[in-house]
Each structure stands twice: as C-alpha cells, then as structure tokens.
N, C-alpha and C. Protein backbone atom coordinates (compact mmCIF):
# COMPACT_ATOMS: atom_id res chain seq x y z
N MET A 1 114.04 165.40 -3.40
CA MET A 1 113.41 166.52 -2.72
C MET A 1 113.24 166.15 -1.19
N LYS A 2 112.84 164.87 -0.98
CA LYS A 2 112.68 164.43 0.41
C LYS A 2 113.99 164.50 1.17
N LYS A 3 115.06 164.11 0.51
CA LYS A 3 116.35 164.08 1.15
C LYS A 3 116.80 165.54 1.51
N LEU A 4 116.55 166.43 0.66
CA LEU A 4 116.91 167.85 0.90
C LEU A 4 116.15 168.37 2.09
N PHE A 5 114.82 168.08 2.18
CA PHE A 5 114.01 168.52 3.26
C PHE A 5 114.53 167.91 4.59
N LEU A 6 114.77 166.62 4.58
CA LEU A 6 115.29 165.95 5.76
C LEU A 6 116.64 166.52 6.20
N LEU A 7 117.50 166.81 5.22
CA LEU A 7 118.80 167.39 5.53
C LEU A 7 118.67 168.75 6.16
N CYS A 8 117.71 169.56 5.70
CA CYS A 8 117.50 170.89 6.30
C CYS A 8 116.97 170.76 7.75
N ILE A 9 116.05 169.86 8.02
CA ILE A 9 115.54 169.67 9.35
C ILE A 9 116.62 169.23 10.26
N VAL A 10 117.41 168.23 9.87
CA VAL A 10 118.47 167.68 10.72
C VAL A 10 119.51 168.74 10.95
N GLY A 11 119.87 169.48 9.92
CA GLY A 11 120.85 170.59 10.04
C GLY A 11 120.36 171.64 11.01
N GLY A 12 119.09 172.00 10.94
CA GLY A 12 118.52 172.96 11.87
C GLY A 12 118.56 172.48 13.33
N LEU A 13 118.22 171.25 13.53
CA LEU A 13 118.25 170.65 14.84
C LEU A 13 119.67 170.62 15.44
N LEU A 14 120.61 170.21 14.61
CA LEU A 14 121.99 170.10 15.08
C LEU A 14 122.67 171.48 15.28
N SER A 15 122.26 172.47 14.55
CA SER A 15 122.87 173.77 14.70
C SER A 15 122.27 174.60 15.80
N GLY A 16 121.16 174.20 16.33
CA GLY A 16 120.50 174.95 17.38
C GLY A 16 119.64 176.10 16.84
N CYS A 17 119.46 176.21 15.54
CA CYS A 17 118.67 177.28 14.98
C CYS A 17 117.20 177.19 15.29
N MET A 18 116.75 175.98 15.59
CA MET A 18 115.28 175.81 15.82
C MET A 18 114.92 176.02 17.27
N PHE A 19 115.90 176.28 18.12
CA PHE A 19 115.55 176.46 19.53
C PHE A 19 115.61 177.93 19.89
N ARG A 20 114.81 178.35 20.84
CA ARG A 20 114.79 179.76 21.20
C ARG A 20 114.83 179.93 22.68
N GLY A 21 115.20 181.15 23.11
CA GLY A 21 115.17 181.49 24.52
C GLY A 21 116.33 180.96 25.33
N GLY A 22 116.62 181.66 26.39
CA GLY A 22 117.62 181.21 27.30
C GLY A 22 119.05 181.30 26.73
N ASP A 23 120.00 180.91 27.51
CA ASP A 23 121.39 180.95 26.99
C ASP A 23 121.99 179.60 27.11
N THR A 24 121.19 178.53 26.99
CA THR A 24 121.70 177.18 27.12
C THR A 24 122.21 176.59 25.83
N GLY A 25 121.94 177.22 24.70
CA GLY A 25 122.37 176.69 23.43
C GLY A 25 121.47 175.55 22.98
N PRO A 26 121.86 174.84 21.95
CA PRO A 26 121.01 173.73 21.50
C PRO A 26 120.96 172.56 22.48
N ALA A 27 119.77 172.07 22.68
CA ALA A 27 119.54 170.93 23.54
C ALA A 27 118.25 170.26 23.19
N LEU A 28 118.10 169.02 23.52
CA LEU A 28 116.84 168.34 23.30
C LEU A 28 115.77 168.81 24.25
N PHE A 29 116.22 169.23 25.46
CA PHE A 29 115.30 169.82 26.45
C PHE A 29 116.08 170.86 27.26
N ALA A 30 115.48 172.04 27.43
CA ALA A 30 116.07 173.07 28.23
C ALA A 30 114.99 173.85 28.98
N LYS A 31 115.20 174.10 30.27
CA LYS A 31 114.29 174.88 31.04
C LYS A 31 115.08 175.93 31.76
N THR A 32 114.82 177.20 31.42
CA THR A 32 115.56 178.35 31.96
C THR A 32 114.64 179.42 32.50
N ARG A 33 115.18 180.25 33.28
CA ARG A 33 114.48 181.46 33.79
C ARG A 33 115.28 182.63 33.41
N ALA A 34 114.66 183.60 32.76
CA ALA A 34 115.33 184.84 32.34
C ALA A 34 114.77 186.01 33.10
N SER A 35 115.63 186.89 33.62
CA SER A 35 115.12 188.10 34.26
C SER A 35 114.63 189.07 33.21
N GLY A 36 113.49 189.65 33.43
CA GLY A 36 112.96 190.63 32.54
C GLY A 36 113.41 192.00 32.98
N TRP A 37 112.64 192.60 33.84
CA TRP A 37 113.01 193.96 34.30
C TRP A 37 112.39 194.13 35.66
N ALA A 38 112.88 195.13 36.42
CA ALA A 38 112.35 195.49 37.75
C ALA A 38 112.04 196.97 37.65
N THR A 39 111.08 197.39 38.48
CA THR A 39 110.73 198.79 38.52
C THR A 39 111.27 199.40 39.79
N ASP A 40 111.06 200.70 39.90
CA ASP A 40 111.49 201.42 41.14
C ASP A 40 110.45 201.28 42.25
N ASN A 41 109.31 200.64 41.94
CA ASN A 41 108.27 200.46 42.95
C ASN A 41 108.81 199.58 44.06
N ILE A 42 108.60 200.00 45.30
CA ILE A 42 109.08 199.29 46.47
C ILE A 42 107.87 198.90 47.33
N GLY A 43 107.91 197.66 47.78
CA GLY A 43 106.80 197.15 48.61
C GLY A 43 106.92 195.66 48.69
N THR A 44 106.00 195.06 49.37
CA THR A 44 105.97 193.62 49.56
C THR A 44 105.21 193.02 48.40
N ILE A 45 105.78 192.00 47.80
CA ILE A 45 105.14 191.29 46.70
C ILE A 45 103.96 190.51 47.27
N ARG A 46 102.77 190.89 46.92
CA ARG A 46 101.58 190.26 47.43
C ARG A 46 100.97 189.28 46.45
N ARG A 47 101.23 189.48 45.17
CA ARG A 47 100.65 188.65 44.13
C ARG A 47 101.66 188.29 43.03
N GLN A 48 101.43 187.18 42.37
CA GLN A 48 102.24 186.80 41.23
C GLN A 48 101.28 186.29 40.15
N GLY A 49 101.39 186.85 38.95
CA GLY A 49 100.55 186.38 37.88
C GLY A 49 101.41 185.71 36.79
N LYS A 50 100.86 184.70 36.15
CA LYS A 50 101.61 183.96 35.15
C LYS A 50 100.77 183.78 33.90
N ALA A 51 101.35 184.09 32.75
CA ALA A 51 100.67 183.93 31.44
C ALA A 51 101.62 183.24 30.52
N CYS A 52 101.15 182.20 29.79
CA CYS A 52 102.00 181.37 28.95
C CYS A 52 101.53 181.27 27.53
N SER A 53 102.48 181.03 26.64
CA SER A 53 102.19 180.74 25.25
C SER A 53 103.00 179.56 24.81
N ASN A 54 102.48 178.81 23.85
CA ASN A 54 103.17 177.59 23.36
C ASN A 54 103.41 177.67 21.88
N ASN A 55 104.46 176.98 21.49
CA ASN A 55 104.91 176.91 20.10
C ASN A 55 105.04 175.46 19.75
N ILE A 56 104.31 175.05 18.75
CA ILE A 56 104.32 173.62 18.32
C ILE A 56 105.05 173.48 17.01
N LEU A 57 106.04 172.64 16.96
CA LEU A 57 106.86 172.43 15.77
C LEU A 57 107.45 173.70 15.21
N TYR A 58 107.56 174.71 16.07
CA TYR A 58 108.12 176.00 15.68
C TYR A 58 107.42 176.58 14.46
N LEU A 59 106.12 176.15 14.29
CA LEU A 59 105.30 176.69 13.19
C LEU A 59 104.00 177.29 13.67
N ILE A 60 103.44 176.70 14.76
CA ILE A 60 102.17 177.14 15.26
C ILE A 60 102.29 177.66 16.67
N ALA A 61 101.93 178.93 16.90
CA ALA A 61 102.01 179.53 18.22
C ALA A 61 100.60 179.85 18.75
N THR A 62 100.41 179.49 20.02
CA THR A 62 99.11 179.74 20.68
C THR A 62 99.34 180.33 22.04
N GLY A 63 98.36 181.08 22.52
CA GLY A 63 98.39 181.56 23.92
C GLY A 63 98.78 183.03 23.96
N ASP A 64 98.75 183.59 25.17
CA ASP A 64 99.03 185.00 25.36
C ASP A 64 100.00 185.08 26.58
N SER A 65 101.23 185.36 26.32
CA SER A 65 102.21 185.47 27.39
C SER A 65 102.60 186.90 27.67
N SER A 66 101.67 187.81 27.45
CA SER A 66 101.95 189.24 27.60
C SER A 66 101.94 189.65 29.10
N ILE A 67 102.57 190.74 29.39
CA ILE A 67 102.58 191.28 30.74
C ILE A 67 101.19 191.60 31.21
N SER A 68 100.39 192.21 30.35
CA SER A 68 99.05 192.60 30.70
C SER A 68 98.20 191.36 31.06
N ALA A 69 98.39 190.29 30.34
CA ALA A 69 97.59 189.05 30.63
C ALA A 69 98.00 188.46 32.01
N ALA A 70 99.27 188.50 32.36
CA ALA A 70 99.71 188.06 33.67
C ALA A 70 99.22 188.96 34.75
N LYS A 71 99.22 190.28 34.52
CA LYS A 71 98.69 191.24 35.49
C LYS A 71 97.20 190.99 35.79
N GLN A 72 96.48 190.78 34.67
CA GLN A 72 95.04 190.61 34.79
C GLN A 72 94.65 189.37 35.53
N ARG A 73 95.38 188.27 35.27
CA ARG A 73 95.14 186.96 35.96
C ARG A 73 95.30 187.06 37.46
N ALA A 74 96.27 187.89 37.90
CA ALA A 74 96.54 187.97 39.35
C ALA A 74 95.90 189.23 40.00
N GLY A 75 95.32 190.08 39.18
CA GLY A 75 94.70 191.33 39.70
C GLY A 75 95.78 192.28 40.21
N ILE A 76 96.90 192.43 39.53
CA ILE A 76 98.01 193.25 39.88
C ILE A 76 97.81 194.62 39.27
N SER A 77 97.95 195.70 40.05
CA SER A 77 97.88 197.02 39.48
C SER A 77 99.22 197.73 39.57
N LYS A 78 100.10 197.33 40.52
CA LYS A 78 101.40 197.90 40.67
C LYS A 78 102.48 196.85 40.46
N VAL A 79 103.22 196.93 39.38
CA VAL A 79 104.22 195.90 38.98
C VAL A 79 105.56 196.19 39.66
N TYR A 80 106.14 195.18 40.24
CA TYR A 80 107.47 195.26 40.85
C TYR A 80 108.54 194.65 39.94
N SER A 81 108.24 193.47 39.35
CA SER A 81 109.27 192.83 38.51
C SER A 81 108.55 191.92 37.48
N VAL A 82 109.26 191.58 36.42
CA VAL A 82 108.81 190.70 35.36
C VAL A 82 109.91 189.70 35.06
N ASP A 83 109.59 188.42 35.05
CA ASP A 83 110.56 187.33 34.73
C ASP A 83 109.95 186.44 33.70
N TYR A 84 110.76 185.64 33.02
CA TYR A 84 110.31 184.76 32.01
C TYR A 84 110.79 183.34 32.24
N ASP A 85 109.92 182.36 32.18
CA ASP A 85 110.24 180.94 32.24
C ASP A 85 110.22 180.44 30.79
N ILE A 86 111.29 179.85 30.33
CA ILE A 86 111.35 179.38 28.97
C ILE A 86 111.70 177.92 28.97
N THR A 87 110.82 177.10 28.31
CA THR A 87 111.04 175.64 28.26
C THR A 87 111.08 175.25 26.78
N ASN A 88 112.23 174.68 26.35
CA ASN A 88 112.40 174.22 24.96
C ASN A 88 112.30 172.71 24.92
N TYR A 89 111.51 172.21 24.01
CA TYR A 89 111.39 170.77 23.76
C TYR A 89 111.94 170.53 22.35
N LEU A 90 112.06 169.30 22.02
CA LEU A 90 112.55 168.93 20.68
C LEU A 90 111.58 169.47 19.60
N ILE A 91 110.27 169.44 19.90
CA ILE A 91 109.26 169.84 18.89
C ILE A 91 108.53 171.12 19.21
N GLY A 92 108.99 171.90 20.17
CA GLY A 92 108.30 173.15 20.47
C GLY A 92 108.88 173.80 21.67
N SER A 93 108.14 174.83 22.16
CA SER A 93 108.58 175.59 23.30
C SER A 93 107.40 176.15 24.05
N THR A 94 107.63 176.54 25.31
CA THR A 94 106.67 177.25 26.12
C THR A 94 107.37 178.45 26.75
N VAL A 95 106.76 179.60 26.65
CA VAL A 95 107.25 180.83 27.25
C VAL A 95 106.21 181.36 28.23
N CYS A 96 106.60 181.55 29.48
CA CYS A 96 105.71 182.07 30.49
C CYS A 96 106.24 183.38 31.03
N THR A 97 105.40 184.38 31.12
CA THR A 97 105.74 185.65 31.72
C THR A 97 105.20 185.67 33.15
N ILE A 98 106.07 185.97 34.11
CA ILE A 98 105.69 185.99 35.52
C ILE A 98 105.82 187.44 35.99
N VAL A 99 104.72 188.04 36.46
CA VAL A 99 104.65 189.41 36.94
C VAL A 99 104.44 189.37 38.46
N SER A 100 105.25 190.13 39.16
CA SER A 100 105.16 190.18 40.61
C SER A 100 104.77 191.63 40.99
N GLY A 101 103.91 191.74 41.98
CA GLY A 101 103.47 193.08 42.41
C GLY A 101 102.39 193.02 43.41
N GLU A 102 101.54 194.07 43.43
CA GLU A 102 100.37 194.13 44.34
C GLU A 102 99.22 194.75 43.64
C-alpha cells in the first residue's frame, strides 16, 4: 500500500498534474503573471491592490485572492484592469490578484 501511494505521488509530480496556473508546464518552481481582464474605464492608474491566497501540499487552501479583497485593500472604486501573479512550488502555490484603478 505504501508503494502504491508513493507511486501515485511521484507520478503526479512527474506528469505536472499537481501544479496549477500559468502556461509553464510542470516545474519544481514557476513564477508567472497572467493577464486577467481590462475594462473600458480610461484614466490614470492611481492605486493598485493585491490580495493573495496560498495552497499547501495542494490539500489546504488559505487566504482571499478575490477581486473585491484587492479593491478593498487599496480603496479602489473604479477598476481598470485585473492581473494574476501565480507562483508554484514543489509543495504548494500562491495566487495573487492585482487590481489597478482609482
């Protein structure tokens, strides 16, 4: 039973199935930025809010990486764009939502 469990874990690591986000494929470490969306709002970006969530061992997730949390942290009422920073580690990941606006 131990060997089967170990085989499944190693197989998942080697296939890239345990990694998420970005387009880098399987890696021991990957840091990428993904474009979310942009609005038709036009103006000077005066503020940027960031909200992050973490995933440990791909089993336990904590944090709030929502757009509303990023807006609230920076006091943004008018959103211009949303981007995502994704960092994958061997044993987990971090996803940050970055909201730009005024």
